[in-house]
């Protein structure tokens, strides 16, 4: 049975943006795609992600 792991916004952001720690996030994504692990995300993940992108857009 695959291991279940809870992810937060910082992991999901690294799948899209090149941030420090991206290699670890990408490895989690690869393991999920291979069926080795199950990723669980909180219901607020999309809202957190949108908020983070909006803040970064305003700053740059």
Protein backbone atom coordinates (compact mmCIF):
# COMPACT_ATOMS: atom_id res chain seq x y z
CA UNK A 1 0.00 0.00 0.00
CA UNK A 2 1.42 3.43 -0.95
CA UNK A 3 2.48 5.79 1.80
CA UNK A 4 0.17 8.77 2.31
CA UNK A 5 1.77 12.20 2.53
CA UNK A 6 0.17 15.57 3.20
CA UNK A 7 1.48 18.44 1.09
CA UNK A 8 1.20 22.16 1.66
CA UNK A 9 1.33 25.16 -0.64
CA UNK A 10 5.13 25.35 -0.57
CA UNK A 11 5.36 21.93 -2.23
CA UNK A 12 2.77 22.76 -4.91
CA UNK A 13 4.42 26.10 -5.68
CA UNK A 14 7.70 24.34 -6.34
CA UNK A 15 6.02 22.26 -9.04
CA UNK A 16 5.31 25.48 -10.94
CA UNK A 17 8.03 27.94 -9.89
CA UNK A 18 11.74 27.34 -9.57
CA UNK A 19 12.17 27.88 -5.83
CA UNK A 20 14.75 26.59 -3.34
CA UNK A 21 13.95 22.99 -2.47
CA UNK A 22 12.39 22.31 -5.87
CA UNK A 23 14.24 19.02 -6.31
CA UNK A 24 12.53 17.52 -3.27
CA UNK A 25 9.11 18.68 -4.45
CA UNK A 26 9.70 17.29 -7.92
CA UNK A 27 10.76 13.93 -6.46
CA UNK A 28 7.46 13.78 -4.54
CA UNK A 29 5.60 14.48 -7.77
CA UNK A 30 7.54 11.74 -9.58
CA UNK A 31 6.83 9.24 -6.80
CA UNK A 32 3.11 10.15 -6.94
CA UNK A 33 3.06 9.68 -10.73
CA UNK A 34 4.72 6.28 -10.30
CA UNK A 35 2.08 5.25 -7.76
CA UNK A 36 4.60 4.94 -4.94
CA UNK A 37 2.87 7.49 -2.69
CA UNK A 38 -0.54 9.11 -2.23
CA UNK A 39 -0.54 12.89 -1.91
CA UNK A 40 -3.17 14.55 0.24
CA UNK A 41 -3.78 18.28 0.13
CA UNK A 42 -5.82 20.47 2.51
CA UNK A 43 -9.03 21.97 1.10
CA UNK A 44 -7.47 25.44 1.26
CA UNK A 45 -4.49 24.57 -0.93
CA UNK A 46 -5.86 26.25 -4.07
CA UNK A 47 -6.79 29.40 -2.16
CA UNK A 48 -3.32 29.54 -0.56
CA UNK A 49 -1.72 28.98 -3.95
CA UNK A 50 -3.74 31.78 -5.57
CA UNK A 51 -2.94 34.14 -2.70
CA UNK A 52 0.78 33.40 -2.97
CA UNK A 53 0.81 34.02 -6.72
CA UNK A 54 -1.16 37.27 -6.32
CA UNK A 55 1.28 38.54 -3.69
CA UNK A 56 4.27 37.73 -5.85
CA UNK A 57 2.69 39.40 -8.86
CA UNK A 58 2.09 42.59 -6.85
CA UNK A 59 5.68 42.61 -5.57
CA UNK A 60 7.31 42.14 -8.99
